[in-house]
Amino acid sequence: MKTTNTGSATYEGLGKSGKGLVSTGSGALSAQPYGFQTRFEDEPGTNPEELIAAAHASCFTMALSFKLAEEGFENGTVTTSAEVTLEKDGDGFTVTKSALATKGKVAGLAQDRFEELAADAKANCPISKLLDAEITLKTAFEG
């Protein structure tokens, strides 16, 4: 199975004074504001690291849910938060870490098995893999 999903962003103005809008192809996010002020100050809106954190938390949680289902469990709850760290790196910035914190409630499952399945889900969720994946880029420019 193969799926392709889309997202888009526009940034009007340049640098710190610019303002952007980000959307998802599904419409779940539509023209949500982002920019320097939403990333480094307290202006309402989102930022790339927050979106990565949400993507990583949701992907990992779904992967763990499927691992639990493969073990024969039918009911339960898994809740995960992700904290993505952005640090100054020379003249720019680098995402240095994504820290996942998960809680599970599955009747009849031993804690050590939950931890094993969580470690497997962390290693194999597509967003975890993406953080080390090959990235390709196509560009177009009008001057």
N, C-alpha and C. Protein backbone atom coordinates (compact mmCIF):
# COMPACT_ATOMS: atom_id res chain seq x y z
N MET A 1 0.85 -1.17 0.00
CA MET A 1 0.00 0.00 0.00
C MET A 1 0.90 1.24 0.00
N LYS A 2 0.49 2.24 -0.74
CA LYS A 2 1.23 3.49 -0.80
C LYS A 2 0.23 4.64 -0.74
N THR A 3 0.50 5.60 0.10
CA THR A 3 -0.34 6.81 0.14
C THR A 3 0.56 8.03 0.04
N THR A 4 0.02 9.08 -0.50
CA THR A 4 0.74 10.35 -0.60
C THR A 4 -0.16 11.42 -0.01
N ASN A 5 0.38 12.20 0.88
CA ASN A 5 -0.36 13.30 1.50
C ASN A 5 0.36 14.60 1.20
N THR A 6 -0.37 15.69 1.30
CA THR A 6 0.22 16.97 0.95
C THR A 6 0.04 18.00 2.05
N GLY A 7 0.88 18.97 2.00
CA GLY A 7 0.80 20.16 2.85
C GLY A 7 1.36 21.31 2.04
N SER A 8 1.00 22.52 2.43
CA SER A 8 1.52 23.67 1.71
C SER A 8 1.73 24.82 2.67
N ALA A 9 2.60 25.72 2.26
CA ALA A 9 2.89 26.90 3.07
C ALA A 9 3.20 28.08 2.16
N THR A 10 2.77 29.24 2.59
CA THR A 10 3.07 30.51 1.91
C THR A 10 3.66 31.45 2.95
N TYR A 11 4.65 32.22 2.56
CA TYR A 11 5.27 33.19 3.47
C TYR A 11 5.33 34.53 2.75
N GLU A 12 4.62 35.52 3.27
CA GLU A 12 4.58 36.85 2.67
C GLU A 12 5.44 37.78 3.50
N GLY A 13 6.30 38.55 2.84
CA GLY A 13 7.30 39.33 3.56
C GLY A 13 8.45 38.40 3.83
N LEU A 14 9.58 38.95 4.20
CA LEU A 14 10.76 38.10 4.38
C LEU A 14 11.31 38.24 5.78
N GLY A 15 11.94 37.16 6.25
CA GLY A 15 12.58 37.18 7.55
C GLY A 15 11.60 37.35 8.69
N LYS A 16 12.07 38.04 9.75
CA LYS A 16 11.27 38.20 10.96
C LYS A 16 9.96 38.93 10.73
N SER A 17 9.92 39.82 9.76
CA SER A 17 8.70 40.59 9.55
C SER A 17 7.67 39.84 8.70
N GLY A 18 8.07 38.72 8.11
CA GLY A 18 7.16 37.96 7.28
C GLY A 18 6.14 37.21 8.10
N LYS A 19 5.07 36.82 7.43
CA LYS A 19 4.01 36.04 8.05
C LYS A 19 3.63 34.94 7.07
N GLY A 20 3.35 33.77 7.63
CA GLY A 20 3.02 32.64 6.78
C GLY A 20 1.69 32.02 7.11
N LEU A 21 1.24 31.18 6.18
CA LEU A 21 0.04 30.37 6.36
C LEU A 21 0.39 28.95 5.95
N VAL A 22 -0.03 27.99 6.77
CA VAL A 22 0.24 26.59 6.49
C VAL A 22 -1.08 25.83 6.43
N SER A 23 -1.18 24.90 5.49
CA SER A 23 -2.40 24.11 5.31
C SER A 23 -2.04 22.66 5.03
N THR A 24 -2.98 21.78 5.33
CA THR A 24 -2.83 20.37 4.97
C THR A 24 -3.77 20.07 3.83
N GLY A 25 -3.39 19.10 3.02
CA GLY A 25 -4.22 18.72 1.88
C GLY A 25 -5.60 18.25 2.29
N SER A 26 -5.73 17.66 3.46
CA SER A 26 -7.03 17.17 3.93
C SER A 26 -7.94 18.29 4.38
N GLY A 27 -7.36 19.46 4.65
CA GLY A 27 -8.13 20.57 5.18
C GLY A 27 -8.18 20.60 6.69
N ALA A 28 -7.56 19.62 7.36
CA ALA A 28 -7.55 19.62 8.83
C ALA A 28 -6.90 20.90 9.36
N LEU A 29 -5.88 21.36 8.68
CA LEU A 29 -5.31 22.69 8.93
C LEU A 29 -5.56 23.49 7.68
N SER A 30 -6.13 24.66 7.84
CA SER A 30 -6.40 25.50 6.68
C SER A 30 -5.97 26.93 6.97
N ALA A 31 -4.93 27.35 6.28
CA ALA A 31 -4.42 28.73 6.40
C ALA A 31 -4.13 29.10 7.85
N GLN A 32 -3.45 28.19 8.56
CA GLN A 32 -3.06 28.49 9.94
C GLN A 32 -1.82 29.37 9.94
N PRO A 33 -1.81 30.42 10.76
CA PRO A 33 -0.68 31.34 10.76
C PRO A 33 0.57 30.72 11.36
N TYR A 34 1.71 31.08 10.78
CA TYR A 34 3.01 30.73 11.35
C TYR A 34 4.00 31.79 10.92
N GLY A 35 5.08 31.87 11.66
CA GLY A 35 6.13 32.83 11.35
C GLY A 35 7.07 32.96 12.53
N PHE A 36 7.96 33.92 12.47
CA PHE A 36 8.93 34.13 13.55
C PHE A 36 8.21 34.32 14.88
N GLN A 37 7.14 35.10 14.87
CA GLN A 37 6.45 35.41 16.11
C GLN A 37 5.75 34.20 16.72
N THR A 38 5.27 33.27 15.88
CA THR A 38 4.62 32.07 16.41
C THR A 38 5.65 31.01 16.79
N ARG A 39 6.85 31.15 16.28
CA ARG A 39 7.90 30.18 16.55
C ARG A 39 8.72 30.54 17.76
N PHE A 40 9.01 31.82 17.93
CA PHE A 40 9.93 32.25 18.98
C PHE A 40 9.33 33.22 19.98
N GLU A 41 8.13 33.69 19.71
CA GLU A 41 7.47 34.61 20.62
C GLU A 41 6.11 34.01 20.98
N ASP A 42 5.21 34.77 21.52
CA ASP A 42 3.95 34.22 22.00
C ASP A 42 2.75 34.51 21.10
N GLU A 43 2.98 34.83 19.84
CA GLU A 43 1.87 35.11 18.94
C GLU A 43 1.12 33.81 18.63
N PRO A 44 -0.22 33.88 18.58
CA PRO A 44 -0.99 32.67 18.26
C PRO A 44 -0.66 32.14 16.87
N GLY A 45 -0.64 30.85 16.76
CA GLY A 45 -0.35 30.18 15.50
C GLY A 45 0.48 28.95 15.76
N THR A 46 1.02 28.37 14.71
CA THR A 46 1.79 27.15 14.85
C THR A 46 3.21 27.38 14.37
N ASN A 47 4.01 26.32 14.33
CA ASN A 47 5.37 26.39 13.81
C ASN A 47 5.78 25.00 13.36
N PRO A 48 6.83 24.91 12.56
CA PRO A 48 7.21 23.61 12.01
C PRO A 48 7.51 22.55 13.08
N GLU A 49 8.16 22.95 14.17
CA GLU A 49 8.51 21.96 15.19
C GLU A 49 7.27 21.42 15.91
N GLU A 50 6.27 22.29 16.11
CA GLU A 50 5.02 21.84 16.72
C GLU A 50 4.33 20.84 15.80
N LEU A 51 4.35 21.10 14.51
CA LEU A 51 3.73 20.18 13.55
C LEU A 51 4.47 18.86 13.51
N ILE A 52 5.80 18.89 13.59
CA ILE A 52 6.59 17.65 13.64
C ILE A 52 6.27 16.89 14.91
N ALA A 53 6.15 17.60 16.04
CA ALA A 53 5.82 16.94 17.31
C ALA A 53 4.46 16.24 17.22
N ALA A 54 3.48 16.93 16.67
CA ALA A 54 2.15 16.32 16.53
C ALA A 54 2.20 15.11 15.59
N ALA A 55 2.94 15.25 14.49
CA ALA A 55 3.06 14.14 13.55
C ALA A 55 3.75 12.95 14.19
N HIS A 56 4.83 13.21 14.94
CA HIS A 56 5.58 12.12 15.56
C HIS A 56 4.73 11.43 16.63
N ALA A 57 4.06 12.22 17.48
CA ALA A 57 3.22 11.64 18.54
C ALA A 57 2.09 10.80 17.94
N SER A 58 1.44 11.32 16.92
CA SER A 58 0.31 10.57 16.35
C SER A 58 0.77 9.33 15.60
N CYS A 59 1.87 9.41 14.88
CA CYS A 59 2.39 8.26 14.14
C CYS A 59 2.82 7.16 15.11
N PHE A 60 3.60 7.53 16.11
CA PHE A 60 4.07 6.56 17.10
C PHE A 60 2.88 5.90 17.81
N THR A 61 1.90 6.70 18.22
CA THR A 61 0.74 6.16 18.94
C THR A 61 -0.01 5.16 18.08
N MET A 62 -0.19 5.49 16.81
CA MET A 62 -0.87 4.56 15.91
C MET A 62 -0.04 3.29 15.73
N ALA A 63 1.28 3.43 15.56
CA ALA A 63 2.15 2.26 15.40
C ALA A 63 2.06 1.35 16.63
N LEU A 64 2.09 1.94 17.82
CA LEU A 64 1.99 1.15 19.04
C LEU A 64 0.62 0.48 19.14
N SER A 65 -0.42 1.18 18.76
CA SER A 65 -1.76 0.61 18.76
C SER A 65 -1.83 -0.63 17.87
N PHE A 66 -1.19 -0.55 16.71
CA PHE A 66 -1.19 -1.71 15.80
C PHE A 66 -0.37 -2.85 16.39
N LYS A 67 0.75 -2.54 17.05
CA LYS A 67 1.55 -3.59 17.70
C LYS A 67 0.71 -4.29 18.77
N LEU A 68 -0.05 -3.52 19.55
CA LEU A 68 -0.89 -4.10 20.59
C LEU A 68 -1.99 -4.98 19.98
N ALA A 69 -2.57 -4.52 18.88
CA ALA A 69 -3.60 -5.32 18.20
C ALA A 69 -3.00 -6.62 17.67
N GLU A 70 -1.78 -6.57 17.14
CA GLU A 70 -1.11 -7.78 16.66
C GLU A 70 -0.88 -8.79 17.78
N GLU A 71 -0.76 -8.29 19.01
CA GLU A 71 -0.58 -9.16 20.19
C GLU A 71 -1.92 -9.74 20.66
N GLY A 72 -3.01 -9.34 20.01
CA GLY A 72 -4.31 -9.89 20.35
C GLY A 72 -5.16 -9.02 21.26
N PHE A 73 -4.68 -7.85 21.61
CA PHE A 73 -5.47 -6.95 22.45
C PHE A 73 -6.47 -6.19 21.58
N GLU A 74 -7.69 -6.07 22.10
CA GLU A 74 -8.75 -5.42 21.33
C GLU A 74 -9.16 -4.07 21.88
N ASN A 75 -8.93 -3.83 23.18
CA ASN A 75 -9.34 -2.58 23.81
C ASN A 75 -8.19 -1.99 24.59
N GLY A 76 -8.14 -0.68 24.61
CA GLY A 76 -7.11 0.00 25.37
C GLY A 76 -6.99 1.44 24.92
N THR A 77 -6.13 2.14 25.59
CA THR A 77 -5.88 3.54 25.26
C THR A 77 -4.38 3.79 25.30
N VAL A 78 -3.89 4.50 24.31
CA VAL A 78 -2.50 4.93 24.26
C VAL A 78 -2.51 6.44 24.03
N THR A 79 -1.80 7.15 24.88
CA THR A 79 -1.68 8.61 24.76
C THR A 79 -0.20 8.96 24.73
N THR A 80 0.19 9.79 23.77
CA THR A 80 1.60 10.14 23.61
C THR A 80 1.74 11.64 23.40
N SER A 81 2.77 12.19 24.01
CA SER A 81 3.17 13.56 23.70
C SER A 81 4.58 13.51 23.14
N ALA A 82 4.89 14.45 22.30
CA ALA A 82 6.24 14.56 21.73
C ALA A 82 6.73 15.97 21.97
N GLU A 83 7.97 16.07 22.33
CA GLU A 83 8.60 17.37 22.54
C GLU A 83 9.78 17.48 21.58
N VAL A 84 9.64 18.34 20.59
CA VAL A 84 10.67 18.53 19.58
C VAL A 84 11.51 19.74 19.98
N THR A 85 12.82 19.55 20.01
CA THR A 85 13.73 20.60 20.44
C THR A 85 14.43 21.22 19.24
N LEU A 86 14.37 22.54 19.18
CA LEU A 86 15.05 23.33 18.15
C LEU A 86 16.14 24.12 18.86
N GLU A 87 17.39 23.99 18.38
CA GLU A 87 18.50 24.67 19.02
C GLU A 87 19.30 25.49 18.02
N LYS A 88 19.86 26.57 18.50
CA LYS A 88 20.75 27.40 17.70
C LYS A 88 21.94 26.55 17.28
N ASP A 89 22.31 26.67 16.01
CA ASP A 89 23.42 25.89 15.46
C ASP A 89 24.18 26.78 14.51
N GLY A 90 25.22 27.44 15.00
CA GLY A 90 25.97 28.38 14.16
C GLY A 90 25.08 29.54 13.77
N ASP A 91 24.95 29.77 12.46
CA ASP A 91 24.12 30.86 11.96
C ASP A 91 22.65 30.44 11.79
N GLY A 92 22.35 29.19 12.02
CA GLY A 92 20.99 28.72 11.82
C GLY A 92 20.48 27.95 13.03
N PHE A 93 19.57 27.03 12.77
CA PHE A 93 18.97 26.23 13.82
C PHE A 93 18.92 24.77 13.36
N THR A 94 18.88 23.85 14.33
CA THR A 94 18.77 22.42 14.05
C THR A 94 17.76 21.80 15.01
N VAL A 95 16.91 20.93 14.47
CA VAL A 95 16.07 20.12 15.33
C VAL A 95 16.99 19.02 15.87
N THR A 96 17.18 19.03 17.19
CA THR A 96 18.14 18.12 17.79
C THR A 96 17.52 16.89 18.43
N LYS A 97 16.21 16.94 18.68
CA LYS A 97 15.62 15.81 19.40
C LYS A 97 14.10 15.82 19.26
N SER A 98 13.55 14.63 19.27
CA SER A 98 12.11 14.45 19.45
C SER A 98 11.96 13.45 20.59
N ALA A 99 11.44 13.92 21.71
CA ALA A 99 11.29 13.08 22.91
C ALA A 99 9.82 12.66 23.03
N LEU A 100 9.59 11.37 22.94
CA LEU A 100 8.24 10.83 23.06
C LEU A 100 7.99 10.42 24.50
N ALA A 101 6.79 10.67 24.99
CA ALA A 101 6.35 10.20 26.31
C ALA A 101 4.98 9.58 26.10
N THR A 102 4.86 8.30 26.42
CA THR A 102 3.61 7.59 26.16
C THR A 102 3.07 6.92 27.40
N LYS A 103 1.76 6.83 27.45
CA LYS A 103 1.06 6.12 28.52
C LYS A 103 0.11 5.14 27.85
N GLY A 104 0.04 3.95 28.40
CA GLY A 104 -0.87 2.96 27.87
C GLY A 104 -1.75 2.38 28.95
N LYS A 105 -2.95 2.05 28.58
CA LYS A 105 -3.87 1.37 29.48
C LYS A 105 -4.49 0.22 28.69
N VAL A 106 -3.98 -0.97 28.94
CA VAL A 106 -4.42 -2.16 28.21
C VAL A 106 -4.56 -3.29 29.23
N ALA A 107 -5.78 -3.70 29.49
CA ALA A 107 -6.02 -4.76 30.47
C ALA A 107 -5.33 -6.05 30.04
N GLY A 108 -4.65 -6.68 30.99
CA GLY A 108 -4.01 -7.97 30.73
C GLY A 108 -2.63 -7.89 30.13
N LEU A 109 -2.11 -6.70 29.91
CA LEU A 109 -0.78 -6.54 29.32
C LEU A 109 0.23 -6.22 30.42
N ALA A 110 1.34 -6.93 30.42
CA ALA A 110 2.39 -6.68 31.40
C ALA A 110 3.19 -5.44 30.99
N GLN A 111 3.65 -4.69 31.98
CA GLN A 111 4.39 -3.45 31.71
C GLN A 111 5.63 -3.70 30.87
N ASP A 112 6.39 -4.75 31.15
CA ASP A 112 7.61 -4.99 30.38
C ASP A 112 7.30 -5.27 28.91
N ARG A 113 6.18 -5.94 28.63
CA ARG A 113 5.80 -6.19 27.23
C ARG A 113 5.36 -4.89 26.56
N PHE A 114 4.64 -4.05 27.31
CA PHE A 114 4.25 -2.74 26.79
C PHE A 114 5.50 -1.95 26.40
N GLU A 115 6.51 -1.96 27.26
CA GLU A 115 7.76 -1.24 26.99
C GLU A 115 8.47 -1.80 25.77
N GLU A 116 8.48 -3.12 25.60
CA GLU A 116 9.08 -3.74 24.41
C GLU A 116 8.35 -3.32 23.13
N LEU A 117 7.03 -3.36 23.18
CA LEU A 117 6.24 -2.97 22.00
C LEU A 117 6.41 -1.49 21.70
N ALA A 118 6.49 -0.68 22.73
CA ALA A 118 6.70 0.76 22.53
C ALA A 118 8.05 1.03 21.89
N ALA A 119 9.09 0.33 22.32
CA ALA A 119 10.42 0.50 21.72
C ALA A 119 10.40 0.10 20.25
N ASP A 120 9.69 -0.98 19.93
CA ASP A 120 9.57 -1.41 18.54
C ASP A 120 8.80 -0.38 17.72
N ALA A 121 7.72 0.15 18.28
CA ALA A 121 6.94 1.17 17.58
C ALA A 121 7.77 2.43 17.35
N LYS A 122 8.56 2.81 18.33
CA LYS A 122 9.42 3.99 18.18
C LYS A 122 10.40 3.80 17.03
N ALA A 123 10.99 2.63 16.95
CA ALA A 123 11.98 2.37 15.91
C ALA A 123 11.36 2.25 14.52
N ASN A 124 10.09 1.84 14.46
CA ASN A 124 9.49 1.52 13.17
C ASN A 124 8.37 2.44 12.72
N CYS A 125 7.99 3.44 13.50
CA CYS A 125 6.94 4.33 13.01
C CYS A 125 7.53 5.16 11.87
N PRO A 126 6.75 5.41 10.84
CA PRO A 126 7.26 6.12 9.66
C PRO A 126 7.85 7.51 9.95
N ILE A 127 7.32 8.22 10.93
CA ILE A 127 7.88 9.55 11.22
C ILE A 127 9.22 9.41 11.92
N SER A 128 9.39 8.41 12.79
CA SER A 128 10.71 8.16 13.37
C SER A 128 11.71 7.88 12.26
N LYS A 129 11.30 7.07 11.30
CA LYS A 129 12.18 6.75 10.17
C LYS A 129 12.45 7.99 9.32
N LEU A 130 11.45 8.83 9.15
CA LEU A 130 11.61 10.04 8.34
C LEU A 130 12.70 10.94 8.89
N LEU A 131 12.84 10.98 10.17
CA LEU A 131 13.83 11.87 10.76
C LEU A 131 15.25 11.48 10.34
N ASP A 132 15.42 10.28 9.77
CA ASP A 132 16.70 9.85 9.22
C ASP A 132 16.62 9.55 7.73
N ALA A 133 15.53 9.94 7.09
CA ALA A 133 15.28 9.54 5.70
C ALA A 133 15.99 10.44 4.70
N GLU A 134 16.13 9.92 3.49
CA GLU A 134 16.62 10.72 2.37
C GLU A 134 15.56 11.77 2.07
N ILE A 135 16.00 12.97 1.78
CA ILE A 135 15.09 14.07 1.45
C ILE A 135 15.41 14.53 0.04
N THR A 136 14.40 14.62 -0.77
CA THR A 136 14.59 15.14 -2.13
C THR A 136 13.94 16.51 -2.23
N LEU A 137 14.40 17.29 -3.19
CA LEU A 137 13.90 18.65 -3.36
C LEU A 137 13.82 19.00 -4.83
N LYS A 138 12.67 19.54 -5.22
CA LYS A 138 12.50 20.13 -6.55
C LYS A 138 12.27 21.62 -6.34
N THR A 139 12.82 22.45 -7.18
CA THR A 139 12.62 23.89 -7.02
C THR A 139 12.15 24.51 -8.32
N ALA A 140 11.44 25.60 -8.18
CA ALA A 140 11.06 26.43 -9.29
C ALA A 140 11.18 27.87 -8.80
N PHE A 141 11.62 28.76 -9.68
CA PHE A 141 11.86 30.15 -9.25
C PHE A 141 11.47 31.11 -10.34
N GLU A 142 10.80 32.17 -9.93
CA GLU A 142 10.51 33.29 -10.84
C GLU A 142 11.15 34.52 -10.24
N GLY A 143 11.99 35.18 -10.99
CA GLY A 143 12.68 36.35 -10.47
C GLY A 143 12.02 37.64 -10.91
